[in-house]
């Protein structure tokens, strides 16, 4: 039986923290393909965080989210 990597589920608030860090990284990069790649990643993370906010029931605790 193969071992599978453990998946880490992040809350929208945790994703927002990652987005802020990546924005700081992007601000330091010169214009070019690397910066565009980071900006694309930021946009994807924003969309993912927004979808999680829309799909997560209000008042759900973090432990309840982890059980799902």
Protein backbone atom coordinates (compact mmCIF):
# COMPACT_ATOMS: atom_id res chain seq x y z
CA UNK A 1 0.00 0.00 0.00
CA UNK A 2 1.40 3.39 -0.99
CA UNK A 3 1.67 6.23 1.46
CA UNK A 4 -0.09 9.41 0.37
CA UNK A 5 0.98 12.89 1.33
CA UNK A 6 -1.19 14.59 3.91
CA UNK A 7 -3.31 17.37 2.44
CA UNK A 8 -3.42 20.66 4.31
CA UNK A 9 -6.75 22.47 4.13
CA UNK A 10 -6.57 26.22 4.62
CA UNK A 11 -9.34 28.52 5.74
CA UNK A 12 -10.09 31.64 3.69
CA UNK A 13 -8.39 33.74 6.39
CA UNK A 14 -5.24 31.63 6.14
CA UNK A 15 -5.34 32.00 2.37
CA UNK A 16 -5.59 35.77 2.78
CA UNK A 17 -2.39 35.70 4.82
CA UNK A 18 -0.63 33.78 2.05
CA UNK A 19 -1.94 36.28 -0.50
CA UNK A 20 -0.53 39.23 1.45
CA UNK A 21 2.89 37.53 1.65
CA UNK A 22 2.89 36.73 -2.07
CA UNK A 23 1.91 40.34 -2.89
CA UNK A 24 4.92 41.55 -0.92
CA UNK A 25 7.09 39.12 -2.88
CA UNK A 26 5.63 40.32 -6.19
CA UNK A 27 6.29 43.95 -5.30
CA UNK A 28 10.00 43.19 -4.99
CA UNK A 29 10.27 41.44 -8.34
CA UNK A 30 11.17 43.28 -11.55
CA UNK A 31 8.63 43.23 -14.37
CA UNK A 32 8.84 39.99 -16.31
CA UNK A 33 7.68 36.41 -16.46
CA UNK A 34 8.52 35.59 -12.84
CA UNK A 35 6.45 38.49 -11.54
CA UNK A 36 3.58 37.60 -13.86
CA UNK A 37 3.67 34.04 -12.55
CA UNK A 38 3.41 35.27 -8.95
CA UNK A 39 0.57 37.65 -9.86
CA UNK A 40 -1.28 34.78 -11.55
CA UNK A 41 -0.83 32.65 -8.42
CA UNK A 42 -2.23 35.50 -6.30
CA UNK A 43 -5.30 35.74 -8.54
CA UNK A 44 -5.87 31.98 -8.26
CA UNK A 45 -5.54 32.09 -4.47
CA UNK A 46 -8.03 34.98 -4.29
CA UNK A 47 -10.55 33.05 -6.38
CA UNK A 48 -10.05 29.95 -4.23
CA UNK A 49 -10.49 31.92 -1.00
CA UNK A 50 -13.65 33.59 -2.35
CA UNK A 51 -15.13 30.23 -3.36
CA UNK A 52 -14.37 28.79 0.06
CA UNK A 53 -16.14 31.76 1.68
CA UNK A 54 -19.19 31.22 -0.52
CA UNK A 55 -19.36 27.47 0.07
CA UNK A 56 -18.61 27.42 3.80
CA UNK A 57 -21.74 27.72 5.95
CA UNK A 58 -21.75 30.72 8.25
CA UNK A 59 -20.85 29.92 11.82
CA UNK A 60 -18.97 26.74 10.91
CA UNK A 61 -16.03 26.20 13.19
CA UNK A 62 -12.62 25.24 11.93
CA UNK A 63 -12.89 21.79 13.47
CA UNK A 64 -16.20 21.23 11.70
CA UNK A 65 -14.60 22.25 8.40
CA UNK A 66 -11.79 19.77 8.93
CA UNK A 67 -14.22 16.89 9.45
CA UNK A 68 -15.91 17.47 6.07
